[in-house]
Amino acid sequence: MPAAPTPLVAPSPGQVVNPGALVTPGGSQGNPGTQGIAGTAGTAGPPGATGLNAFNTTTAGFTVPAVGSSVVITLNDASWVVVGQLVYVDQAGGPGQAGALQVTAKSGNQVTLLNPTPAPAIPAASTSAAGLMNLLSGNTTDYVGGDNATHALAPVIWSARLRSFNAIGNPTFEVDQINCGNSVAISTGGVKTIDRWFVGLTGTLRFSAQQIATNVPLPGTNYYITGKVLRVTVTTTQASLGTGDYLDIWTNLEGIALRELYGDVHSLSLLCRSSLANLNFGISLTDAGPQSRALGKLCTLGTANTWTSIPLPNLPVFPTANFSVNPGAYGYALNIALAAGTGIRVAANDTWQTTSTLWAPAGIDNFAANASATFDLAFVQHEPGAVCTTPQDLDFLANYSRCVRYYQKSYNYATVPGTATATGNVRANPIANFYPNNIYVPFNPRMAKTPTLVAYSTTSGAANTVRDETAGADKTVTGTQSLGDAGFAGLAISSPNAAQWQCSFQWIADTGW
């Protein structure tokens, strides 16, 4: 077996090559080569590596040319030399070593050898140019970042878990136990249209609100972030707003939704559209109990009827004010303003303002001035950190399980409260002259706080009544028995029967959030 070839190194410009030195191109004929021994012209050595050919020069003591220069040498036999080959030359005192010389011309036994300019060193990769990767750390748990350096992966995972949070309840607008997809005409303030979301107005303007079924993809993807949207539609215009007039959509957040946001910068993002092109609207955050601070942000849509993601990153830290992080307490409010008079607009956007009466961002349009205009909300996210990250999707069951902490009902999910139905009702058989009590009805899960309870007749659907099945009439409810955040034990009525009787009723429990 031939010996392993000696590692090749380039000759130095100006190096004198001994008489009889070998010039060895990277051939492909596979003939055995020879090794030259300094001072012994043409002495045969052991077999060379397969694939190399060797030849002797008769030019005594030629000097390796400077980089970019050529030298002409005479060979004993150059019958197989090909122009364009790279050849190797012998350095004094050693076997054939690497040469960066290229055959550029051939005339008989005379060959021109060029010492080409070496390729420049490949730089490290940067944000503006391709290149080599920097030294690795050697840790199998590290990754290469966009800064061309290795970093520990674990902190990145921890950071992602830390930021995987969305404070908003029903952020995809898919849960609607209240109106079950039916349109609601709005003529006042504070109307809960779907779970966790209110709408309201003042002034002569009017609009409708409704959960609309439509699959909404995240822009640039085919991923449906929701199958429902909340739509408001102007039904009566108001061209000129009074100073205190408004058209708003808002949600009230329990204190437990604020803790993750409270100590650092935070970010908001919305997915929405409007039938109006280039609509300017606003989003604001306020404290509660009572209000003392407001932060307004101006948002702008582009093309009409086009789903648009609006990022609002790096919002300023919540100030010390009437915010709460406690369970069962009002934490903060998020408000989307589509129209607002000058008397309720903050003095400046983007910074926390000290105010008890102002909340709407400055610079918004009067959405209510446009007949039949629509505005659709598909997704809202409020998260910790300075960056708006990928939307934190909630599947329907996870979304629903969060909503029932604030609103529960005895009716089937798709049945609007107040419907005349006995499906799912509560029944009791009070004794003579007694209320329908001692019929413990638990809430599942426990609610955020003691709710307001409303009973409905199973026959007429009338609120604040129970059905007297014995007499075939409704009876008025005057109160509840042992109502708490875990359930209630019955109802008080105005006129219990003189004999044992049977009653039935439906109910809703609402925390007001």
Protein backbone atom coordinates (compact mmCIF):
# COMPACT_ATOMS: atom_id res chain seq x y z
CA MET A 1 0.00 0.00 0.00
CA PRO A 2 1.38 3.49 -0.79
CA ALA A 3 2.04 5.77 2.14
CA ALA A 4 -0.56 8.43 2.93
CA PRO A 5 0.28 11.64 1.05
CA THR A 6 2.02 14.35 3.03
CA PRO A 7 -0.27 17.29 3.85
CA LEU A 8 0.28 19.98 1.24
CA VAL A 9 1.32 23.54 1.98
CA ALA A 10 1.71 26.39 -0.47
CA PRO A 11 5.23 27.47 -1.53
CA SER A 12 6.37 30.90 -0.61
CA PRO A 13 6.89 33.53 -3.33
CA GLY A 14 10.64 33.94 -3.90
CA GLN A 15 11.40 30.37 -2.79
CA VAL A 16 14.17 28.74 -4.84
CA VAL A 17 13.18 25.34 -6.13
CA ASN A 18 16.08 22.80 -6.35
CA PRO A 19 17.23 21.39 -9.64
CA GLY A 20 15.34 18.25 -10.39
CA ALA A 21 12.38 19.33 -8.26
CA LEU A 22 9.12 17.64 -8.94
CA VAL A 23 6.18 19.55 -10.36
CA THR A 24 3.10 17.44 -9.66
CA PRO A 25 -0.31 18.35 -11.11
CA GLY A 26 -3.59 17.03 -9.74
CA GLY A 27 -3.92 14.50 -12.57
CA SER A 28 -6.58 11.91 -13.14
CA GLN A 29 -4.73 9.15 -14.96
CA GLY A 30 -3.99 7.22 -11.79
CA ASN A 31 -0.32 6.42 -12.67
CA PRO A 32 2.13 5.93 -9.81
CA GLY A 33 4.01 9.14 -8.99
CA THR A 34 7.45 9.79 -7.57
CA GLN A 35 8.79 11.69 -4.65
CA GLY A 36 11.68 14.04 -5.26
CA ILE A 37 14.58 14.18 -2.86
CA ALA A 38 16.29 17.51 -2.55
CA GLY A 39 19.60 17.60 -4.41
CA THR A 40 19.03 14.38 -6.33
CA ALA A 41 17.56 15.18 -9.69
CA GLY A 42 14.93 12.74 -10.77
CA THR A 43 15.69 10.03 -8.22
CA ALA A 44 12.72 7.70 -8.03
CA GLY A 45 10.92 7.56 -4.72
CA PRO A 46 8.19 5.26 -3.38
CA PRO A 47 4.91 5.09 -5.31
CA GLY A 48 2.86 8.28 -5.11
CA ALA A 49 -0.80 8.51 -4.25
CA THR A 50 -3.22 7.12 -6.84
CA GLY A 51 -4.41 9.80 -9.20
CA LEU A 52 -1.19 11.91 -9.16
CA ASN A 53 1.35 12.13 -11.97
CA ALA A 54 4.88 13.47 -11.69
CA PHE A 55 7.37 15.04 -14.00
CA ASN A 56 10.88 16.54 -13.66
CA THR A 57 11.94 20.02 -14.63
CA THR A 58 15.26 20.62 -16.32
CA THR A 59 15.22 24.27 -15.32
CA ALA A 60 17.71 24.44 -12.49
CA GLY A 61 16.91 26.51 -9.44
CA PHE A 62 13.86 28.40 -10.75
CA THR A 63 12.28 30.75 -8.29
CA VAL A 64 8.62 30.55 -7.36
CA PRO A 65 7.20 33.81 -8.74
CA ALA A 66 5.50 36.45 -6.69
CA VAL A 67 1.75 36.25 -6.28
CA GLY A 68 0.15 37.18 -9.60
CA SER A 69 3.37 36.53 -11.59
CA SER A 70 4.47 33.70 -13.90
CA VAL A 71 7.61 31.66 -14.58
CA VAL A 72 8.53 29.55 -17.60
CA ILE A 73 10.22 26.20 -16.98
CA THR A 74 11.37 23.35 -19.22
CA LEU A 75 10.22 19.83 -18.46
CA ASN A 76 11.90 16.55 -19.30
CA ASP A 77 8.58 15.25 -20.59
CA ALA A 78 5.42 17.33 -20.70
CA SER A 79 3.40 15.27 -23.10
CA TRP A 80 0.54 14.90 -20.61
CA VAL A 81 0.50 18.43 -19.12
CA VAL A 82 -2.86 20.19 -19.61
CA VAL A 83 -3.28 23.94 -19.54
CA GLY A 84 -5.40 24.90 -16.52
CA GLN A 85 -3.96 22.23 -14.24
CA LEU A 86 -2.79 23.10 -10.76
CA VAL A 87 0.72 21.77 -10.07
CA TYR A 88 2.86 21.19 -7.02
CA VAL A 89 6.54 22.05 -6.48
CA ASP A 90 9.15 20.58 -4.16
CA GLN A 91 10.54 22.60 -1.27
CA ALA A 92 14.14 22.10 -0.25
CA GLY A 93 14.66 19.21 2.11
CA GLY A 94 11.27 17.63 1.82
CA PRO A 95 8.95 15.62 -0.36
CA GLY A 96 6.47 17.10 -2.82
CA GLN A 97 4.60 19.93 -1.12
CA ALA A 98 1.61 21.99 -2.13
CA GLY A 99 2.10 24.67 -4.73
CA ALA A 100 -0.53 27.14 -5.85
CA LEU A 101 0.97 27.22 -9.38
CA GLN A 102 -1.28 26.89 -12.40
CA VAL A 103 -0.33 25.81 -15.90
CA THR A 104 -1.44 28.77 -18.05
CA ALA A 105 0.41 27.98 -21.29
CA LYS A 106 2.37 25.15 -22.94
CA SER A 107 4.73 25.14 -25.88
CA GLY A 108 6.50 21.84 -26.40
CA ASN A 109 8.32 21.08 -23.19
CA GLN A 110 8.09 24.67 -21.98
CA VAL A 111 5.34 25.37 -19.49
CA THR A 112 4.25 28.72 -18.05
CA LEU A 113 3.33 28.51 -14.35
CA LEU A 114 1.29 31.25 -12.66
CA ASN A 115 1.26 31.88 -8.93
CA PRO A 116 -2.41 33.02 -8.71
CA THR A 117 -3.74 35.56 -6.25
CA PRO A 118 -5.16 33.60 -3.32
CA ALA A 119 -8.87 33.82 -2.67
CA PRO A 120 -9.67 36.26 0.10
CA ALA A 121 -10.46 34.82 3.49
CA ILE A 122 -14.20 34.21 3.97
CA PRO A 123 -15.48 36.71 6.53
CA ALA A 124 -17.84 35.88 9.36
CA ALA A 125 -21.49 36.09 8.39
CA SER A 126 -23.28 39.31 9.23
CA THR A 127 -26.70 40.86 8.72
CA SER A 128 -25.49 42.35 5.42
CA ALA A 129 -23.29 39.59 3.94
CA ALA A 130 -23.01 35.82 3.80
CA GLY A 131 -19.99 34.21 5.41
CA LEU A 132 -18.70 31.67 7.87
CA MET A 133 -20.25 30.81 11.20
CA ASN A 134 -18.35 31.87 14.30
CA LEU A 135 -16.84 29.39 16.72
CA LEU A 136 -19.35 27.04 18.30
CA SER A 137 -19.71 26.62 22.03
CA GLY A 138 -19.66 22.85 21.80
CA ASN A 139 -22.82 22.51 23.88
CA THR A 140 -25.41 20.24 22.27
CA THR A 141 -28.19 22.26 23.91
CA ASP A 142 -27.15 25.57 22.32
CA TYR A 143 -28.43 27.15 19.12
CA VAL A 144 -26.95 29.61 16.60
CA GLY A 145 -28.72 32.97 16.69
CA GLY A 146 -29.17 35.73 14.16
CA ASP A 147 -26.10 37.45 15.63
CA ASN A 148 -23.87 34.56 14.41
CA ALA A 149 -23.21 33.40 17.94
CA THR A 150 -24.26 30.41 20.00
CA HIS A 151 -26.71 30.84 22.86
CA ALA A 152 -28.22 28.60 25.50
CA LEU A 153 -31.63 27.31 24.41
CA ALA A 154 -33.18 26.86 27.84
CA PRO A 155 -33.62 30.58 28.65
CA VAL A 156 -35.35 31.06 25.28
CA ILE A 157 -37.85 28.33 26.16
CA TRP A 158 -38.35 29.85 29.60
CA SER A 159 -38.92 33.28 28.04
CA ALA A 160 -41.46 31.87 25.58
CA ARG A 161 -43.35 30.20 28.42
CA LEU A 162 -43.20 33.40 30.43
CA ARG A 163 -44.74 35.37 27.58
CA SER A 164 -47.39 32.78 26.62
CA PHE A 165 -50.26 34.73 28.12
CA ASN A 166 -53.29 36.65 26.90
CA ALA A 167 -55.24 38.59 29.53
CA ILE A 168 -58.35 39.08 27.39
CA GLY A 169 -61.45 37.02 28.09
CA ASN A 170 -63.22 35.58 25.04
CA PRO A 171 -60.49 37.04 22.77
CA THR A 172 -61.82 35.20 19.70
CA PHE A 173 -65.47 36.24 20.30
CA GLU A 174 -66.60 32.62 19.90
CA VAL A 175 -68.51 32.26 23.17
CA ASP A 176 -71.97 33.79 23.18
CA GLN A 177 -74.26 32.43 25.89
CA ILE A 178 -76.12 35.74 26.11
CA ASN A 179 -77.62 36.41 22.68
CA CYS A 180 -76.51 33.20 20.93
CA GLY A 181 -75.69 34.91 17.64
CA ASN A 182 -78.79 37.10 17.51
CA SER A 183 -78.59 40.78 16.61
CA VAL A 184 -79.21 43.31 19.39
CA ALA A 185 -80.35 46.91 18.81
CA ILE A 186 -78.25 49.24 20.97
CA SER A 187 -79.73 52.49 22.24
CA THR A 188 -77.94 52.94 25.55
CA GLY A 189 -74.66 52.25 27.33
CA GLY A 190 -73.32 49.11 28.97
CA VAL A 191 -75.08 46.36 27.00
CA LYS A 192 -73.40 42.96 27.27
CA THR A 193 -73.71 41.52 23.76
CA ILE A 194 -71.61 38.36 24.05
CA ASP A 195 -69.62 36.85 26.90
CA ARG A 196 -67.10 39.33 28.36
CA TRP A 197 -67.85 42.10 25.84
CA PHE A 198 -70.01 45.20 26.20
CA VAL A 199 -71.11 47.86 23.75
CA GLY A 200 -72.72 51.20 24.39
CA LEU A 201 -73.45 54.72 23.26
CA THR A 202 -74.70 58.13 24.14
CA GLY A 203 -76.19 60.62 21.70
CA THR A 204 -78.73 60.19 18.92
CA LEU A 205 -76.66 57.61 17.03
CA ARG A 206 -77.82 53.99 17.04
CA PHE A 207 -76.22 50.71 16.06
CA SER A 208 -76.70 46.96 16.24
CA ALA A 209 -74.29 44.39 17.65
CA GLN A 210 -74.10 40.73 16.76
CA GLN A 211 -71.84 37.69 16.78
CA ILE A 212 -71.28 36.75 13.12
CA ALA A 213 -70.13 33.31 12.00
CA THR A 214 -67.14 33.58 9.65
CA ASN A 215 -63.75 31.88 9.57
CA VAL A 216 -60.98 34.46 9.91
CA PRO A 217 -57.40 33.54 8.92
CA LEU A 218 -54.38 35.24 10.38
CA PRO A 219 -53.06 37.57 7.65
CA GLY A 220 -50.58 35.77 5.41
CA THR A 221 -51.65 32.30 6.58
CA ASN A 222 -54.45 29.79 6.15
CA TYR A 223 -54.81 29.37 9.91
CA TYR A 224 -58.25 30.31 11.21
CA ILE A 225 -57.76 32.14 14.51
CA THR A 226 -61.55 32.22 15.05
CA GLY A 227 -64.85 31.17 13.55
CA LYS A 228 -66.84 34.11 14.96
CA VAL A 229 -66.52 37.91 14.99
CA LEU A 230 -68.25 40.71 16.87
CA ARG A 231 -69.84 43.14 14.40
CA VAL A 232 -71.31 46.56 15.06
CA THR A 233 -73.40 48.20 12.33
CA VAL A 234 -74.50 51.84 12.30
CA THR A 235 -78.31 51.98 12.04
CA THR A 236 -78.84 55.69 12.81
CA THR A 237 -76.12 58.18 11.94
CA GLN A 238 -75.01 61.18 13.95
CA ALA A 239 -72.93 63.58 11.85
CA SER A 240 -71.95 65.86 14.71
CA LEU A 241 -71.12 64.41 18.11
CA GLY A 242 -71.90 66.10 21.40
CA THR A 243 -68.93 66.57 23.71
CA GLY A 244 -69.85 63.48 25.73
CA ASP A 245 -71.23 61.27 22.94
CA TYR A 246 -69.54 57.98 22.14
CA LEU A 247 -69.77 54.60 20.44
CA ASP A 248 -67.63 52.01 22.22
CA ILE A 249 -66.86 48.32 22.60
CA TRP A 250 -65.22 47.25 25.86
CA THR A 251 -64.37 44.46 28.25
CA ASN A 252 -63.84 44.53 32.03
CA LEU A 253 -60.97 42.38 33.30
CA GLU A 254 -60.79 40.71 36.69
CA GLY A 255 -57.71 41.50 38.78
CA ILE A 256 -56.25 38.04 38.21
CA ALA A 257 -55.82 38.92 34.51
CA LEU A 258 -53.58 41.91 35.32
CA ARG A 259 -50.83 40.37 37.44
CA GLU A 260 -48.79 39.08 34.47
CA LEU A 261 -48.91 42.52 32.83
CA TYR A 262 -48.51 44.83 35.78
CA GLY A 263 -44.78 45.04 36.49
CA ASP A 264 -43.28 45.71 33.05
CA VAL A 265 -44.01 46.97 29.56
CA HIS A 266 -46.82 45.17 27.76
CA SER A 267 -48.28 44.91 24.25
CA LEU A 268 -51.68 44.89 22.55
CA SER A 269 -52.68 43.49 19.18
CA LEU A 270 -56.00 43.43 17.33
CA LEU A 271 -57.34 41.68 14.24
CA CYS A 272 -60.17 43.71 12.77
CA ARG A 273 -61.69 45.24 9.64
CA SER A 274 -64.21 47.90 8.65
CA SER A 275 -66.39 48.71 5.67
CA LEU A 276 -64.79 52.17 5.83
CA ALA A 277 -61.38 52.60 4.24
CA ASN A 278 -58.59 54.25 6.26
CA LEU A 279 -60.67 54.33 9.44
CA ASN A 280 -58.99 55.91 12.48
CA PHE A 281 -60.27 54.43 15.73
CA GLY A 282 -58.83 54.07 19.21
CA ILE A 283 -58.06 51.61 21.96
CA SER A 284 -57.56 52.60 25.58
CA LEU A 285 -56.81 51.12 28.99
CA THR A 286 -58.24 52.50 32.23
CA ASP A 287 -58.21 51.61 35.90
CA ALA A 288 -61.38 51.23 37.93
CA GLY A 289 -62.89 51.87 41.32
CA PRO A 290 -62.94 54.78 40.48
CA GLN A 291 -61.08 55.61 37.27
CA SER A 292 -57.99 57.75 37.72
CA ARG A 293 -55.72 56.83 34.79
CA ALA A 294 -56.17 56.33 31.03
CA LEU A 295 -53.82 55.28 28.23
CA GLY A 296 -54.98 55.96 24.65
CA LYS A 297 -53.59 54.55 21.39
CA LEU A 298 -54.66 55.58 17.89
CA CYS A 299 -55.21 52.76 15.37
CA THR A 300 -55.58 53.06 11.59
CA LEU A 301 -57.08 50.61 9.10
CA GLY A 302 -56.32 50.64 5.38
CA THR A 303 -58.32 48.98 2.62
CA ALA A 304 -62.01 48.53 3.34
CA ASN A 305 -63.30 45.06 4.31
CA THR A 306 -59.76 43.70 4.71
CA TRP A 307 -58.68 41.82 7.82
CA THR A 308 -55.80 43.77 9.32
CA SER A 309 -53.51 42.94 12.22
CA ILE A 310 -52.74 46.03 14.31
CA PRO A 311 -49.76 45.66 16.67
CA LEU A 312 -49.34 48.08 19.58
CA PRO A 313 -46.03 47.01 21.17
CA ASN A 314 -44.07 48.27 24.15
CA LEU A 315 -46.82 50.07 26.01
CA PRO A 316 -45.73 52.00 29.11
CA VAL A 317 -45.75 50.28 32.50
CA PHE A 318 -49.01 50.47 34.45
CA PRO A 319 -48.77 53.34 36.95
CA THR A 320 -49.65 53.17 40.62
CA ALA A 321 -53.38 53.86 40.59
CA ASN A 322 -56.71 52.10 41.13
CA PHE A 323 -55.66 48.87 39.46
CA SER A 324 -56.05 45.52 41.22
CA VAL A 325 -54.50 42.08 40.77
CA ASN A 326 -56.80 40.36 43.27
CA PRO A 327 -59.37 37.66 42.49
CA GLY A 328 -62.92 38.91 42.52
CA ALA A 329 -61.78 42.52 42.07
CA TYR A 330 -62.14 44.79 39.04
CA GLY A 331 -58.63 44.88 37.56
CA TYR A 332 -58.79 47.16 34.54
CA ALA A 333 -60.84 47.92 31.42
CA LEU A 334 -59.95 47.72 27.73
CA ASN A 335 -62.02 50.00 25.52
CA ILE A 336 -62.28 50.27 21.71
CA ALA A 337 -63.62 53.69 20.70
CA LEU A 338 -65.23 54.14 17.29
CA ALA A 339 -66.67 57.59 17.98
CA ALA A 340 -66.07 60.05 20.82
CA GLY A 341 -66.91 63.67 21.51
CA THR A 342 -64.22 66.13 22.45
CA GLY A 343 -65.25 66.03 26.10
CA ILE A 344 -64.12 62.42 26.62
CA ARG A 345 -60.87 62.36 24.61
CA VAL A 346 -57.53 62.22 26.43
CA ALA A 347 -55.19 65.18 26.07
CA ALA A 348 -52.40 63.03 24.57
CA ASN A 349 -52.04 59.49 23.32
CA ASP A 350 -49.27 56.97 24.13
CA THR A 351 -48.73 58.04 27.75
CA TRP A 352 -50.73 57.43 30.91
CA GLN A 353 -52.98 60.41 31.60
CA THR A 354 -54.28 61.36 35.04
CA THR A 355 -58.04 61.68 34.51
CA SER A 356 -61.30 60.44 35.99
CA THR A 357 -63.56 61.22 33.02
CA LEU A 358 -61.54 60.91 29.81
CA TRP A 359 -60.73 57.66 28.03
CA ALA A 360 -61.10 57.92 24.23
CA PRO A 361 -57.87 58.40 22.25
CA ALA A 362 -57.26 61.67 20.45
CA GLY A 363 -57.53 61.75 16.66
CA ILE A 364 -60.23 59.12 16.05
CA ASP A 365 -62.85 59.41 13.30
CA ASN A 366 -66.61 59.61 13.77
CA PHE A 367 -67.57 56.09 12.69
CA ALA A 368 -71.21 56.87 13.58
CA ALA A 369 -71.47 59.46 10.76
CA ASN A 370 -71.53 56.69 8.13
CA ALA A 371 -74.83 54.96 7.35
CA SER A 372 -74.66 51.15 7.53
CA ALA A 373 -70.94 51.22 8.30
CA THR A 374 -69.64 48.01 9.89
CA PHE A 375 -66.73 47.26 12.18
CA ASP A 376 -65.70 43.65 12.89
CA LEU A 377 -63.47 42.40 15.71
CA ALA A 378 -61.96 38.94 15.31
CA PHE A 379 -59.19 38.79 17.91
CA VAL A 380 -57.70 40.86 20.72
CA GLN A 381 -54.53 40.09 22.68
CA HIS A 382 -52.98 41.81 25.69
CA GLU A 383 -49.66 40.27 26.70
CA PRO A 384 -46.55 41.00 28.76
CA GLY A 385 -43.38 42.19 27.07
CA ALA A 386 -42.28 44.74 24.50
CA VAL A 387 -43.16 42.67 21.42
CA CYS A 388 -46.50 41.62 19.91
CA THR A 389 -46.00 37.87 19.61
CA THR A 390 -47.93 35.19 17.75
CA PRO A 391 -51.63 35.27 18.75
CA GLN A 392 -52.35 33.03 21.74
CA ASP A 393 -55.23 30.98 20.36
CA LEU A 394 -57.85 29.48 22.66
CA ASP A 395 -59.84 26.48 21.56
CA PHE A 396 -63.57 26.77 22.18
CA LEU A 397 -63.65 24.62 25.32
CA ALA A 398 -60.79 26.55 26.97
CA ASN A 399 -62.47 29.80 26.01
CA TYR A 400 -65.87 28.68 27.31
CA SER A 401 -64.44 27.40 30.60
CA ARG A 402 -62.99 30.85 31.27
CA CYS A 403 -66.22 32.65 30.38
CA VAL A 404 -68.41 30.70 32.82
CA ARG A 405 -66.45 32.12 35.73
CA TYR A 406 -68.33 35.33 34.92
CA TYR A 407 -71.65 34.23 33.40
CA GLN A 408 -73.63 30.99 33.77
CA LYS A 409 -77.14 29.88 32.90
CA SER A 410 -79.44 26.89 33.24
CA TYR A 411 -80.54 27.08 29.61
CA ASN A 412 -78.90 25.05 26.86
CA TYR A 413 -75.85 26.82 25.43
CA ALA A 414 -77.64 27.87 22.21
CA THR A 415 -80.83 29.04 23.98
CA VAL A 416 -81.25 32.76 24.65
CA PRO A 417 -82.21 33.54 28.27
CA GLY A 418 -85.86 34.48 28.49
CA THR A 419 -86.91 31.79 26.05
CA ALA A 420 -90.04 29.92 27.17
CA THR A 421 -88.64 26.43 27.68
CA ALA A 422 -88.51 23.83 30.43
CA THR A 423 -85.31 22.20 29.13
CA GLY A 424 -82.73 22.28 31.91
CA ASN A 425 -85.03 24.00 34.40
CA VAL A 426 -84.97 23.77 38.20
CA ARG A 427 -88.05 22.24 39.88
CA ALA A 428 -89.18 22.37 43.50
CA ASN A 429 -92.19 21.29 45.62
CA PRO A 430 -92.56 23.91 48.37
CA ILE A 431 -94.70 23.04 51.34
CA ALA A 432 -97.71 25.15 52.24
CA ASN A 433 -96.95 28.86 52.67
CA PHE A 434 -93.28 28.33 51.82
CA TYR A 435 -90.82 29.54 49.21
CA PRO A 436 -89.01 27.28 46.68
CA ASN A 437 -85.88 26.92 48.84
CA ASN A 438 -83.61 24.16 50.15
CA ILE A 439 -83.00 23.23 46.49
CA TYR A 440 -79.26 23.89 46.35
CA VAL A 441 -78.13 24.89 42.83
CA PRO A 442 -74.30 24.90 42.47
CA PHE A 443 -72.31 27.01 40.02
CA ASN A 444 -69.74 25.18 37.92
CA PRO A 445 -67.09 26.45 38.20
CA ARG A 446 -67.18 28.76 41.19
CA MET A 447 -67.82 32.30 39.89
CA ALA A 448 -65.44 35.24 40.20
CA LYS A 449 -67.65 36.87 42.81
CA THR A 450 -71.23 36.69 44.05
CA PRO A 451 -73.28 37.23 40.89
CA THR A 452 -76.60 38.82 40.19
CA LEU A 453 -79.19 36.06 39.77
CA VAL A 454 -82.24 36.39 37.54
CA ALA A 455 -84.98 33.74 37.42
CA TYR A 456 -87.26 33.18 34.40
CA SER A 457 -90.62 31.49 34.04
CA THR A 458 -90.37 28.27 32.07
CA THR A 459 -93.74 28.96 30.40
CA SER A 460 -93.79 32.69 29.67
CA GLY A 461 -90.05 33.39 29.76
CA ALA A 462 -90.71 36.46 31.92
CA ALA A 463 -87.76 37.65 34.00
CA ASN A 464 -87.87 37.69 37.81
CA THR A 465 -90.63 35.09 37.95
CA VAL A 466 -91.10 31.40 38.63
CA ARG A 467 -93.81 29.21 37.16
CA ASP A 468 -96.46 27.94 39.55
CA GLU A 469 -97.09 24.62 37.86
CA THR A 470 -99.92 23.83 40.25
CA ALA A 471 -101.93 26.99 39.57
CA GLY A 472 -100.72 27.46 35.98
CA ALA A 473 -99.47 31.02 36.61
CA ASP A 474 -96.23 32.97 37.13
CA LYS A 475 -95.18 34.21 40.57
CA THR A 476 -92.89 37.19 41.18
CA VAL A 477 -89.43 36.58 42.62
CA THR A 478 -88.49 38.97 45.42
CA GLY A 479 -85.05 37.61 46.34
CA THR A 480 -82.61 34.71 46.47
CA GLN A 481 -81.74 32.24 49.21
CA SER A 482 -78.06 31.94 50.27
CA LEU A 483 -76.65 33.31 47.01
CA GLY A 484 -72.85 33.18 46.84
CA ASP A 485 -70.07 32.61 44.31
CA ALA A 486 -70.53 28.82 44.62
CA GLY A 487 -74.32 28.65 44.10
CA PHE A 488 -77.69 29.43 45.66
CA ALA A 489 -80.29 27.56 47.74
CA GLY A 490 -83.56 28.83 46.34
CA LEU A 491 -85.74 31.87 45.75
CA ALA A 492 -88.09 34.10 47.69
CA ILE A 493 -91.46 34.89 46.08
CA SER A 494 -94.22 37.36 46.79
CA SER A 495 -97.12 34.94 47.38
CA PRO A 496 -96.39 31.34 48.39
CA ASN A 497 -99.35 28.95 48.08
CA ALA A 498 -101.48 27.95 51.05
CA ALA A 499 -101.00 24.28 50.16
CA GLN A 500 -98.03 22.34 48.88
CA TRP A 501 -97.33 23.32 45.28
CA GLN A 502 -94.90 22.70 42.42
CA CYS A 503 -92.81 25.37 40.71
CA SER A 504 -90.18 25.55 37.95
CA PHE A 505 -87.75 28.21 36.74
CA GLN A 506 -84.67 28.90 34.63
CA TRP A 507 -81.85 31.16 35.80
CA ILE A 508 -78.80 33.17 34.80
CA ALA A 509 -75.97 34.25 37.10
CA ASP A 510 -73.94 37.28 35.97
CA THR A 511 -70.96 38.91 37.73
CA GLY A 512 -71.26 41.96 35.47
CA TRP A 513 -67.83 41.35 33.84
